[in-house]
Amino acid sequence: MKTVLITAAALFLVILVPGIGACTQPTIPLQGEVEATEFMGKKLTPIKEQNNNALAGTQHIDRASYKLTVAGLVAEPLSLSYDDLLAYPQVSKLMDLNCVEGWNFIAKWTGPALDAIFQDAGVKPEAKIVIFHTADVPEGYSSLDLSYIRENNIIIALKLNDITLPPERGFPFQEVAESKFGYKWAKWVTRIELSSDTG
């Protein structure tokens, strides 16, 4: 599997909006995987020491039945399984993640670049906005400019410190919105929609 290493720094400011709540301590099963302790010369914060936020509580998604829908302004709508996402080239990024409530950690985030997925879907020229629909109840969503995603090679993280993303972090993946506030980092994403609506 191809792995691309990228070093980046991002401030993660958490604001109390739908999908983002007070800091909580996650319970993380390691599933037999070995957690990375260093990356690109930096010591990583152990997952068990990382706080988390979820206003509506942790959403639990079944890996075997999961499908990510990519639709909207695309030539070929996609329905991707978790294994399909793993088959894409995996990009790793080192990022500082800081909460306005005072906690912070440094972690390694790994997953496919969104633009690689969009190339398979065939994004139409009129698409300007990418909307991430989540499994939160009621349904949550976040949006990013398509140009921002392409310019920053934004990834969706399937792994955190080389561990399969835990449910508390947004399994099957968390959208890694570099340099954006915490409410932009969508978790438990089930559908990605390409849109021309910038309003």
N, C-alpha and C. Protein backbone atom coordinates (compact mmCIF):
# COMPACT_ATOMS: atom_id res chain seq x y z
N MET A 1 0.84 -1.19 0.00
CA MET A 1 0.00 0.00 0.00
C MET A 1 0.88 1.25 0.00
N LYS A 2 0.59 2.16 -0.86
CA LYS A 2 1.36 3.40 -0.96
C LYS A 2 1.04 4.32 0.21
N THR A 3 2.04 4.89 0.83
CA THR A 3 1.84 5.83 1.91
C THR A 3 2.58 7.11 1.61
N VAL A 4 1.91 8.24 1.71
CA VAL A 4 2.50 9.54 1.49
C VAL A 4 2.60 10.23 2.83
N LEU A 5 3.78 10.77 3.17
CA LEU A 5 3.98 11.41 4.46
C LEU A 5 3.97 12.91 4.29
N ILE A 6 3.13 13.59 5.04
CA ILE A 6 3.03 15.04 4.98
C ILE A 6 3.01 15.57 6.40
N THR A 7 3.81 16.59 6.68
CA THR A 7 3.80 17.22 7.99
C THR A 7 2.99 18.50 7.92
N ALA A 8 2.07 18.66 8.88
CA ALA A 8 1.24 19.86 8.90
C ALA A 8 0.95 20.22 10.33
N ALA A 9 0.59 21.48 10.55
CA ALA A 9 0.19 21.94 11.89
C ALA A 9 -1.18 22.56 11.76
N ALA A 10 -2.06 22.25 12.72
CA ALA A 10 -3.41 22.81 12.65
C ALA A 10 -3.90 23.13 14.04
N LEU A 11 -4.61 24.23 14.18
CA LEU A 11 -5.28 24.56 15.42
C LEU A 11 -6.69 24.00 15.35
N PHE A 12 -7.10 23.29 16.42
CA PHE A 12 -8.42 22.67 16.46
C PHE A 12 -9.22 23.34 17.57
N LEU A 13 -9.98 24.37 17.22
CA LEU A 13 -10.76 25.12 18.19
C LEU A 13 -12.17 24.56 18.20
N VAL A 14 -12.61 24.04 19.35
CA VAL A 14 -13.91 23.39 19.44
C VAL A 14 -14.95 24.39 19.91
N ILE A 15 -16.00 24.53 19.15
CA ILE A 15 -17.09 25.43 19.48
C ILE A 15 -18.36 24.61 19.67
N LEU A 16 -19.19 24.96 20.61
CA LEU A 16 -20.38 24.18 20.90
C LEU A 16 -21.45 24.43 19.86
N VAL A 17 -21.47 23.55 18.86
CA VAL A 17 -22.46 23.58 17.79
C VAL A 17 -22.92 22.16 17.59
N PRO A 18 -23.97 21.89 16.80
CA PRO A 18 -24.42 20.52 16.59
C PRO A 18 -23.28 19.62 16.17
N GLY A 19 -23.14 18.49 16.91
CA GLY A 19 -22.09 17.53 16.60
C GLY A 19 -20.85 17.71 17.44
N ILE A 20 -20.72 18.85 18.15
CA ILE A 20 -19.54 19.10 18.96
C ILE A 20 -20.01 19.44 20.37
N GLY A 21 -19.51 18.72 21.37
CA GLY A 21 -19.96 18.94 22.73
C GLY A 21 -18.80 19.11 23.68
N ALA A 22 -19.06 18.87 24.95
CA ALA A 22 -18.04 19.04 25.96
C ALA A 22 -16.99 17.94 25.85
N CYS A 23 -15.78 18.21 26.37
CA CYS A 23 -14.69 17.26 26.30
C CYS A 23 -15.02 16.03 27.14
N THR A 24 -14.78 14.85 26.61
CA THR A 24 -14.98 13.60 27.32
C THR A 24 -13.78 12.71 27.09
N GLN A 25 -13.52 11.80 28.03
CA GLN A 25 -12.40 10.88 27.91
C GLN A 25 -12.86 9.62 27.20
N PRO A 26 -12.33 9.28 26.03
CA PRO A 26 -12.80 8.12 25.29
C PRO A 26 -12.28 6.82 25.87
N THR A 27 -13.03 5.76 25.65
CA THR A 27 -12.57 4.41 25.95
C THR A 27 -12.18 3.77 24.63
N ILE A 28 -10.90 3.44 24.45
CA ILE A 28 -10.39 3.04 23.15
C ILE A 28 -9.91 1.59 23.15
N PRO A 29 -10.60 0.68 22.46
CA PRO A 29 -10.03 -0.66 22.25
C PRO A 29 -9.00 -0.60 21.13
N LEU A 30 -7.85 -1.21 21.35
CA LEU A 30 -6.79 -1.11 20.35
C LEU A 30 -6.87 -2.18 19.27
N GLN A 31 -7.76 -3.16 19.42
CA GLN A 31 -8.04 -4.14 18.37
C GLN A 31 -6.79 -4.87 17.89
N GLY A 32 -5.84 -5.09 18.79
CA GLY A 32 -4.65 -5.84 18.43
C GLY A 32 -3.63 -5.07 17.62
N GLU A 33 -3.88 -3.80 17.33
CA GLU A 33 -2.96 -2.98 16.56
C GLU A 33 -1.92 -2.36 17.48
N VAL A 34 -0.78 -1.97 16.90
CA VAL A 34 0.29 -1.34 17.67
C VAL A 34 0.22 0.17 17.46
N GLU A 35 0.00 0.91 18.51
CA GLU A 35 -0.12 2.36 18.40
C GLU A 35 1.24 3.01 18.21
N ALA A 36 1.32 3.91 17.24
CA ALA A 36 2.56 4.66 17.00
C ALA A 36 2.81 5.61 18.15
N THR A 37 4.08 5.74 18.54
CA THR A 37 4.46 6.65 19.61
C THR A 37 5.24 7.85 19.09
N GLU A 38 5.80 7.74 17.88
CA GLU A 38 6.52 8.84 17.26
C GLU A 38 6.23 8.87 15.76
N PHE A 39 6.32 10.05 15.18
CA PHE A 39 6.12 10.21 13.74
C PHE A 39 6.82 11.48 13.29
N MET A 40 7.61 11.36 12.25
CA MET A 40 8.34 12.51 11.71
C MET A 40 9.15 13.22 12.79
N GLY A 41 9.73 12.43 13.70
CA GLY A 41 10.58 12.99 14.74
C GLY A 41 9.84 13.60 15.91
N LYS A 42 8.52 13.47 15.96
CA LYS A 42 7.72 14.05 17.03
C LYS A 42 7.09 12.95 17.88
N LYS A 43 7.05 13.15 19.19
CA LYS A 43 6.38 12.24 20.09
C LYS A 43 4.88 12.46 20.01
N LEU A 44 4.12 11.37 19.85
CA LEU A 44 2.67 11.45 19.71
C LEU A 44 1.97 11.28 21.05
N THR A 45 0.85 11.95 21.21
CA THR A 45 0.03 11.78 22.41
C THR A 45 -0.72 10.46 22.33
N PRO A 46 -0.59 9.58 23.33
CA PRO A 46 -1.33 8.30 23.30
C PRO A 46 -2.83 8.54 23.21
N ILE A 47 -3.52 7.67 22.49
CA ILE A 47 -4.96 7.84 22.30
C ILE A 47 -5.69 7.88 23.64
N LYS A 48 -5.27 7.06 24.60
CA LYS A 48 -5.96 7.02 25.89
C LYS A 48 -5.84 8.34 26.65
N GLU A 49 -4.91 9.20 26.25
CA GLU A 49 -4.74 10.49 26.92
C GLU A 49 -5.41 11.63 26.15
N GLN A 50 -6.04 11.32 25.03
CA GLN A 50 -6.69 12.35 24.21
C GLN A 50 -8.14 12.53 24.63
N ASN A 51 -8.56 13.77 24.81
CA ASN A 51 -9.96 14.06 25.07
C ASN A 51 -10.74 14.10 23.75
N ASN A 52 -12.05 14.24 23.86
CA ASN A 52 -12.89 14.19 22.66
C ASN A 52 -14.17 14.97 22.91
N ASN A 53 -14.93 15.23 21.84
CA ASN A 53 -16.19 15.97 21.92
C ASN A 53 -17.27 15.30 21.07
N ALA A 54 -18.48 15.22 21.62
CA ALA A 54 -19.61 14.69 20.85
C ALA A 54 -20.91 15.08 21.55
N LEU A 55 -21.57 16.09 21.04
CA LEU A 55 -22.78 16.60 21.68
C LEU A 55 -23.89 15.56 21.70
N ALA A 56 -24.05 14.82 20.58
CA ALA A 56 -25.11 13.83 20.47
C ALA A 56 -24.65 12.45 20.92
N GLY A 57 -23.44 12.35 21.45
CA GLY A 57 -22.92 11.05 21.88
C GLY A 57 -22.24 10.32 20.74
N THR A 58 -21.51 9.28 21.11
CA THR A 58 -20.78 8.48 20.12
C THR A 58 -21.75 7.70 19.24
N GLN A 59 -21.53 7.75 17.93
CA GLN A 59 -22.33 6.98 16.98
C GLN A 59 -21.57 5.69 16.64
N HIS A 60 -22.27 4.58 16.59
CA HIS A 60 -21.63 3.29 16.32
C HIS A 60 -22.07 2.78 14.95
N ILE A 61 -21.11 2.65 14.05
CA ILE A 61 -21.38 2.26 12.66
C ILE A 61 -20.75 0.89 12.40
N ASP A 62 -21.52 0.00 11.80
CA ASP A 62 -21.05 -1.35 11.51
C ASP A 62 -20.14 -1.36 10.29
N ARG A 63 -18.93 -1.87 10.46
CA ARG A 63 -17.96 -1.86 9.37
C ARG A 63 -18.43 -2.71 8.18
N ALA A 64 -19.01 -3.86 8.45
CA ALA A 64 -19.38 -4.78 7.38
C ALA A 64 -20.45 -4.22 6.46
N SER A 65 -21.39 -3.46 7.01
CA SER A 65 -22.50 -2.95 6.21
C SER A 65 -22.32 -1.49 5.78
N TYR A 66 -21.25 -0.86 6.24
CA TYR A 66 -21.06 0.57 5.96
C TYR A 66 -20.86 0.84 4.47
N LYS A 67 -21.50 1.90 4.00
CA LYS A 67 -21.30 2.40 2.64
C LYS A 67 -21.21 3.92 2.69
N LEU A 68 -20.18 4.46 2.05
CA LEU A 68 -20.06 5.91 1.90
C LEU A 68 -20.60 6.29 0.53
N THR A 69 -21.63 7.10 0.52
CA THR A 69 -22.20 7.58 -0.74
C THR A 69 -21.52 8.88 -1.14
N VAL A 70 -21.09 8.96 -2.39
CA VAL A 70 -20.54 10.19 -2.96
C VAL A 70 -21.47 10.56 -4.11
N ALA A 71 -22.18 11.66 -3.98
CA ALA A 71 -23.23 11.99 -4.95
C ALA A 71 -23.30 13.50 -5.16
N GLY A 72 -24.37 13.92 -5.83
CA GLY A 72 -24.52 15.34 -6.16
C GLY A 72 -23.98 15.63 -7.54
N LEU A 73 -23.15 16.66 -7.66
CA LEU A 73 -22.62 17.08 -8.96
C LEU A 73 -21.40 16.25 -9.35
N VAL A 74 -21.67 14.97 -9.62
CA VAL A 74 -20.62 14.04 -10.06
C VAL A 74 -21.13 13.26 -11.27
N ALA A 75 -20.20 12.82 -12.10
CA ALA A 75 -20.58 12.04 -13.28
C ALA A 75 -20.97 10.62 -12.92
N GLU A 76 -20.28 10.05 -11.92
CA GLU A 76 -20.51 8.67 -11.51
C GLU A 76 -20.66 8.61 -9.99
N PRO A 77 -21.89 8.60 -9.48
CA PRO A 77 -22.08 8.46 -8.03
C PRO A 77 -21.40 7.19 -7.52
N LEU A 78 -20.83 7.27 -6.33
CA LEU A 78 -20.10 6.15 -5.75
C LEU A 78 -20.80 5.64 -4.50
N SER A 79 -20.64 4.33 -4.26
CA SER A 79 -21.05 3.71 -3.01
C SER A 79 -19.87 2.87 -2.55
N LEU A 80 -19.11 3.40 -1.60
CA LEU A 80 -17.82 2.81 -1.22
C LEU A 80 -17.91 2.11 0.13
N SER A 81 -17.43 0.88 0.17
CA SER A 81 -17.34 0.15 1.43
C SER A 81 -16.11 0.62 2.20
N TYR A 82 -16.00 0.17 3.43
CA TYR A 82 -14.82 0.51 4.23
C TYR A 82 -13.56 -0.03 3.56
N ASP A 83 -13.63 -1.24 3.03
CA ASP A 83 -12.48 -1.82 2.35
C ASP A 83 -12.12 -1.04 1.09
N ASP A 84 -13.12 -0.49 0.42
CA ASP A 84 -12.85 0.36 -0.75
C ASP A 84 -12.01 1.57 -0.34
N LEU A 85 -12.34 2.17 0.80
CA LEU A 85 -11.59 3.33 1.28
C LEU A 85 -10.16 2.95 1.63
N LEU A 86 -9.98 1.76 2.20
CA LEU A 86 -8.64 1.28 2.54
C LEU A 86 -7.79 1.04 1.30
N ALA A 87 -8.44 0.76 0.17
CA ALA A 87 -7.71 0.45 -1.06
C ALA A 87 -7.10 1.68 -1.72
N TYR A 88 -7.56 2.86 -1.35
CA TYR A 88 -6.96 4.09 -1.89
C TYR A 88 -5.57 4.31 -1.29
N PRO A 89 -4.67 5.01 -2.00
CA PRO A 89 -3.38 5.39 -1.39
C PRO A 89 -3.62 6.13 -0.08
N GLN A 90 -2.88 5.75 0.94
CA GLN A 90 -3.07 6.33 2.27
C GLN A 90 -2.06 7.44 2.54
N VAL A 91 -2.56 8.58 2.94
CA VAL A 91 -1.74 9.76 3.23
C VAL A 91 -1.67 9.95 4.75
N SER A 92 -0.48 10.20 5.29
CA SER A 92 -0.32 10.43 6.73
C SER A 92 0.08 11.88 6.98
N LYS A 93 -0.56 12.49 7.99
CA LYS A 93 -0.26 13.87 8.36
C LYS A 93 -0.05 13.97 9.87
N LEU A 94 0.94 14.76 10.26
CA LEU A 94 1.21 15.04 11.67
C LEU A 94 0.59 16.38 12.02
N MET A 95 -0.31 16.38 13.02
CA MET A 95 -1.04 17.61 13.31
C MET A 95 -1.22 17.82 14.81
N ASP A 96 -1.00 19.05 15.24
CA ASP A 96 -1.36 19.45 16.59
C ASP A 96 -2.85 19.74 16.62
N LEU A 97 -3.53 19.28 17.65
CA LEU A 97 -4.97 19.47 17.77
C LEU A 97 -5.25 20.11 19.12
N ASN A 98 -5.78 21.33 19.11
CA ASN A 98 -5.97 22.10 20.34
C ASN A 98 -7.43 22.43 20.57
N CYS A 99 -7.88 22.31 21.81
CA CYS A 99 -9.26 22.63 22.18
C CYS A 99 -9.30 23.93 22.96
N VAL A 100 -10.31 24.74 22.70
CA VAL A 100 -10.48 26.00 23.40
C VAL A 100 -10.65 25.79 24.90
N GLU A 101 -11.05 24.59 25.31
CA GLU A 101 -11.25 24.28 26.72
C GLU A 101 -9.94 24.01 27.45
N GLY A 102 -8.84 23.98 26.70
CA GLY A 102 -7.54 23.90 27.35
C GLY A 102 -6.73 22.66 27.08
N TRP A 103 -7.34 21.58 26.55
CA TRP A 103 -6.57 20.38 26.28
C TRP A 103 -6.04 20.40 24.85
N ASN A 104 -5.00 19.63 24.62
CA ASN A 104 -4.43 19.54 23.27
C ASN A 104 -3.65 18.25 23.15
N PHE A 105 -3.41 17.83 21.91
CA PHE A 105 -2.55 16.67 21.66
C PHE A 105 -1.99 16.73 20.26
N ILE A 106 -0.94 15.97 20.04
CA ILE A 106 -0.34 15.85 18.71
C ILE A 106 -0.53 14.41 18.25
N ALA A 107 -0.96 14.23 17.00
CA ALA A 107 -1.32 12.90 16.52
C ALA A 107 -0.98 12.72 15.05
N LYS A 108 -0.93 11.47 14.67
CA LYS A 108 -0.73 11.08 13.27
C LYS A 108 -2.09 10.65 12.71
N TRP A 109 -2.52 11.30 11.64
CA TRP A 109 -3.79 11.00 10.99
C TRP A 109 -3.50 10.37 9.63
N THR A 110 -4.18 9.27 9.31
CA THR A 110 -3.89 8.54 8.07
C THR A 110 -5.18 8.15 7.35
N GLY A 111 -5.21 8.40 6.04
CA GLY A 111 -6.37 8.00 5.25
C GLY A 111 -6.24 8.50 3.83
N PRO A 112 -7.22 8.21 2.99
CA PRO A 112 -7.16 8.63 1.59
C PRO A 112 -7.44 10.12 1.41
N ALA A 113 -6.84 10.69 0.38
CA ALA A 113 -7.13 12.08 0.02
C ALA A 113 -8.51 12.15 -0.61
N LEU A 114 -9.28 13.14 -0.22
CA LEU A 114 -10.62 13.29 -0.79
C LEU A 114 -10.57 13.47 -2.31
N ASP A 115 -9.57 14.17 -2.80
CA ASP A 115 -9.53 14.44 -4.24
C ASP A 115 -9.34 13.16 -5.04
N ALA A 116 -8.68 12.15 -4.46
CA ALA A 116 -8.53 10.87 -5.15
C ALA A 116 -9.90 10.21 -5.33
N ILE A 117 -10.73 10.31 -4.31
CA ILE A 117 -12.09 9.78 -4.40
C ILE A 117 -12.91 10.58 -5.41
N PHE A 118 -12.75 11.89 -5.37
CA PHE A 118 -13.50 12.75 -6.29
C PHE A 118 -13.12 12.50 -7.75
N GLN A 119 -11.87 12.15 -7.99
CA GLN A 119 -11.45 11.84 -9.36
C GLN A 119 -12.19 10.62 -9.88
N ASP A 120 -12.42 9.63 -9.02
CA ASP A 120 -13.17 8.44 -9.43
C ASP A 120 -14.64 8.77 -9.69
N ALA A 121 -15.17 9.73 -8.94
CA ALA A 121 -16.57 10.11 -9.11
C ALA A 121 -16.78 11.03 -10.31
N GLY A 122 -15.74 11.73 -10.72
CA GLY A 122 -15.87 12.66 -11.83
C GLY A 122 -16.64 13.91 -11.44
N VAL A 123 -16.01 14.77 -10.65
CA VAL A 123 -16.68 15.99 -10.18
C VAL A 123 -16.99 16.92 -11.35
N LYS A 124 -18.21 17.41 -11.40
CA LYS A 124 -18.62 18.31 -12.48
C LYS A 124 -18.06 19.72 -12.26
N PRO A 125 -17.82 20.46 -13.34
CA PRO A 125 -17.19 21.79 -13.23
C PRO A 125 -17.96 22.77 -12.35
N GLU A 126 -19.26 22.64 -12.29
CA GLU A 126 -20.06 23.60 -11.52
C GLU A 126 -20.02 23.34 -10.00
N ALA A 127 -19.43 22.23 -9.57
CA ALA A 127 -19.35 21.92 -8.14
C ALA A 127 -18.40 22.89 -7.44
N LYS A 128 -18.85 23.46 -6.34
CA LYS A 128 -18.05 24.43 -5.57
C LYS A 128 -17.92 24.05 -4.10
N ILE A 129 -18.91 23.35 -3.57
CA ILE A 129 -19.00 23.05 -2.15
C ILE A 129 -19.09 21.54 -1.94
N VAL A 130 -18.46 21.06 -0.87
CA VAL A 130 -18.55 19.66 -0.48
C VAL A 130 -19.26 19.59 0.87
N ILE A 131 -20.37 18.85 0.92
CA ILE A 131 -21.17 18.73 2.14
C ILE A 131 -21.00 17.32 2.70
N PHE A 132 -20.66 17.24 3.98
CA PHE A 132 -20.46 15.96 4.66
C PHE A 132 -21.66 15.70 5.56
N HIS A 133 -22.45 14.68 5.24
CA HIS A 133 -23.61 14.30 6.04
C HIS A 133 -23.20 13.19 7.01
N THR A 134 -23.62 13.32 8.27
CA THR A 134 -23.16 12.39 9.30
C THR A 134 -24.31 11.57 9.89
N ALA A 135 -23.93 10.57 10.69
CA ALA A 135 -24.91 9.67 11.29
C ALA A 135 -25.48 10.20 12.60
N ASP A 136 -25.11 11.41 12.99
CA ASP A 136 -25.67 12.00 14.21
C ASP A 136 -27.19 12.08 14.11
N VAL A 137 -27.87 11.96 15.24
CA VAL A 137 -29.33 12.10 15.29
C VAL A 137 -29.66 13.31 16.15
N PRO A 138 -30.33 14.37 15.62
CA PRO A 138 -30.68 14.51 14.20
C PRO A 138 -29.43 14.62 13.32
N GLU A 139 -29.62 14.36 12.02
CA GLU A 139 -28.49 14.32 11.10
C GLU A 139 -27.65 15.59 11.19
N GLY A 140 -26.35 15.40 11.30
CA GLY A 140 -25.44 16.53 11.29
C GLY A 140 -24.80 16.69 9.93
N TYR A 141 -24.15 17.82 9.75
CA TYR A 141 -23.43 18.03 8.50
C TYR A 141 -22.38 19.11 8.69
N SER A 142 -21.41 19.10 7.79
CA SER A 142 -20.38 20.12 7.73
C SER A 142 -20.09 20.35 6.25
N SER A 143 -19.50 21.49 5.91
CA SER A 143 -19.20 21.75 4.50
C SER A 143 -17.85 22.45 4.36
N LEU A 144 -17.22 22.22 3.23
CA LEU A 144 -15.94 22.83 2.90
C LEU A 144 -15.95 23.23 1.43
N ASP A 145 -15.21 24.27 1.09
CA ASP A 145 -15.04 24.63 -0.31
C ASP A 145 -14.23 23.54 -1.02
N LEU A 146 -14.66 23.18 -2.22
CA LEU A 146 -13.93 22.20 -3.01
C LEU A 146 -12.51 22.67 -3.30
N SER A 147 -12.35 23.96 -3.55
CA SER A 147 -11.01 24.50 -3.83
C SER A 147 -10.09 24.33 -2.63
N TYR A 148 -10.62 24.53 -1.43
CA TYR A 148 -9.83 24.34 -0.20
C TYR A 148 -9.38 22.90 -0.06
N ILE A 149 -10.27 21.96 -0.35
CA ILE A 149 -9.94 20.54 -0.25
C ILE A 149 -8.81 20.18 -1.20
N ARG A 150 -8.90 20.68 -2.42
CA ARG A 150 -7.87 20.36 -3.41
C ARG A 150 -6.54 21.04 -3.10
N GLU A 151 -6.59 22.29 -2.70
CA GLU A 151 -5.35 23.04 -2.43
C GLU A 151 -4.59 22.49 -1.23
N ASN A 152 -5.31 21.92 -0.26
CA ASN A 152 -4.68 21.44 0.96
C ASN A 152 -4.57 19.92 1.03
N ASN A 153 -4.96 19.24 -0.06
CA ASN A 153 -4.91 17.78 -0.09
C ASN A 153 -5.55 17.19 1.17
N ILE A 154 -6.78 17.60 1.42
CA ILE A 154 -7.50 17.19 2.63
C ILE A 154 -7.78 15.69 2.59
N ILE A 155 -7.57 15.05 3.74
CA ILE A 155 -7.78 13.61 3.85
C ILE A 155 -8.98 13.30 4.74
N ILE A 156 -9.45 12.06 4.65
CA ILE A 156 -10.38 11.52 5.64
C ILE A 156 -9.60 10.46 6.40
N ALA A 157 -9.51 10.61 7.71
CA ALA A 157 -8.63 9.76 8.52
C ALA A 157 -9.33 8.47 8.93
N LEU A 158 -8.78 7.35 8.45
CA LEU A 158 -9.25 6.03 8.86
C LEU A 158 -8.49 5.54 10.08
N LYS A 159 -7.30 6.12 10.29
CA LYS A 159 -6.47 5.70 11.42
C LYS A 159 -5.95 6.91 12.19
N LEU A 160 -5.75 6.71 13.48
CA LEU A 160 -5.20 7.71 14.39
C LEU A 160 -4.04 7.06 15.13
N ASN A 161 -2.83 7.59 14.96
CA ASN A 161 -1.63 6.97 15.54
C ASN A 161 -1.50 5.50 15.14
N ASP A 162 -1.85 5.20 13.89
CA ASP A 162 -1.78 3.86 13.31
C ASP A 162 -2.81 2.89 13.87
N ILE A 163 -3.77 3.39 14.64
CA ILE A 163 -4.85 2.57 15.17
C ILE A 163 -6.12 2.88 14.38
N THR A 164 -6.87 1.83 14.02
CA THR A 164 -8.15 2.05 13.35
C THR A 164 -8.98 3.05 14.15
N LEU A 165 -9.49 4.06 13.47
CA LEU A 165 -10.19 5.14 14.15
C LEU A 165 -11.28 4.59 15.08
N PRO A 166 -11.20 4.90 16.37
CA PRO A 166 -12.20 4.41 17.32
C PRO A 166 -13.56 5.07 17.10
N PRO A 167 -14.65 4.45 17.58
CA PRO A 167 -15.97 5.06 17.44
C PRO A 167 -16.03 6.48 17.99
N GLU A 168 -15.34 6.72 19.11
CA GLU A 168 -15.36 8.06 19.72
C GLU A 168 -14.78 9.12 18.81
N ARG A 169 -13.89 8.72 17.90
CA ARG A 169 -13.24 9.64 16.99
C ARG A 169 -13.98 9.78 15.67
N GLY A 170 -15.01 8.95 15.46
CA GLY A 170 -15.81 9.11 14.26
C GLY A 170 -15.79 7.96 13.28
N PHE A 171 -15.39 6.74 13.75
CA PHE A 171 -15.35 5.60 12.84
C PHE A 171 -16.60 5.57 11.96
N PRO A 172 -16.45 5.35 10.66
CA PRO A 172 -15.27 4.83 9.96
C PRO A 172 -14.16 5.84 9.69
N PHE A 173 -14.49 7.14 9.67
CA PHE A 173 -13.42 8.11 9.46
C PHE A 173 -13.83 9.48 9.99
N GLN A 174 -12.81 10.32 10.18
CA GLN A 174 -13.04 11.72 10.52
C GLN A 174 -12.44 12.59 9.43
N GLU A 175 -13.21 13.53 8.97
CA GLU A 175 -12.72 14.49 7.98
C GLU A 175 -11.70 15.40 8.67
N VAL A 176 -10.49 15.48 8.10
CA VAL A 176 -9.41 16.26 8.71
C VAL A 176 -9.35 17.63 8.03
N ALA A 177 -10.04 18.59 8.61
CA ALA A 177 -10.16 19.92 8.02
C ALA A 177 -9.05 20.82 8.54
N GLU A 178 -7.89 20.72 7.93
CA GLU A 178 -6.71 21.46 8.37
C GLU A 178 -6.98 22.96 8.46
N SER A 179 -6.52 23.56 9.55
CA SER A 179 -6.61 25.00 9.81
C SER A 179 -8.04 25.48 10.04
N LYS A 180 -8.98 24.55 10.11
CA LYS A 180 -10.38 24.92 10.38
C LYS A 180 -10.74 24.63 11.83
N PHE A 181 -11.76 25.31 12.33
CA PHE A 181 -12.23 25.08 13.68
C PHE A 181 -12.83 23.68 13.82
N GLY A 182 -12.98 23.23 15.06
CA GLY A 182 -13.39 21.86 15.33
C GLY A 182 -14.71 21.44 14.72
N TYR A 183 -15.67 22.36 14.62
CA TYR A 183 -16.98 21.99 14.09
C TYR A 183 -16.93 21.62 12.61
N LYS A 184 -15.79 21.87 11.96
CA LYS A 184 -15.63 21.48 10.55
C LYS A 184 -15.10 20.06 10.40
N TRP A 185 -14.63 19.47 11.50
CA TRP A 185 -14.04 18.13 11.44
C TRP A 185 -15.14 17.08 11.59
N ALA A 186 -15.87 16.81 10.55
CA ALA A 186 -17.03 15.91 10.61
C ALA A 186 -16.62 14.48 10.95
N LYS A 187 -17.44 13.84 11.79
CA LYS A 187 -17.25 12.44 12.17
C LYS A 187 -18.44 11.62 11.69
N TRP A 188 -18.26 10.29 11.66
CA TRP A 188 -19.34 9.35 11.33
C TRP A 188 -20.02 9.71 10.01
N VAL A 189 -19.23 10.05 9.02
CA VAL A 189 -19.78 10.52 7.74
C VAL A 189 -20.36 9.35 6.94
N THR A 190 -21.56 9.52 6.44
CA THR A 190 -22.22 8.49 5.63
C THR A 190 -22.44 8.91 4.18
N ARG A 191 -22.41 10.22 3.94
CA ARG A 191 -22.67 10.71 2.58
C ARG A 191 -21.86 11.99 2.33
N ILE A 192 -21.23 12.06 1.16
CA ILE A 192 -20.53 13.27 0.73
C ILE A 192 -21.23 13.78 -0.52
N GLU A 193 -21.67 15.03 -0.47
CA GLU A 193 -22.44 15.62 -1.56
C GLU A 193 -21.69 16.79 -2.18
N LEU A 194 -21.53 16.77 -3.49
CA LEU A 194 -20.93 17.89 -4.22
C LEU A 194 -22.05 18.82 -4.67
N SER A 195 -21.89 20.11 -4.41
CA SER A 195 -22.97 21.06 -4.67
C SER A 195 -22.41 22.35 -5.26
N SER A 196 -23.29 23.09 -5.93
CA SER A 196 -22.93 24.41 -6.45
C SER A 196 -23.44 25.52 -5.54
N ASP A 197 -24.19 25.14 -4.51
CA ASP A 197 -24.83 26.12 -3.62
C ASP A 197 -23.81 26.68 -2.64
N THR A 198 -23.46 27.94 -2.79
CA THR A 198 -22.50 28.59 -1.90
C THR A 198 -23.19 29.49 -0.88
N GLY A 199 -24.51 29.43 -0.84
CA GLY A 199 -25.27 30.28 0.06
C GLY A 199 -25.32 29.75 1.48
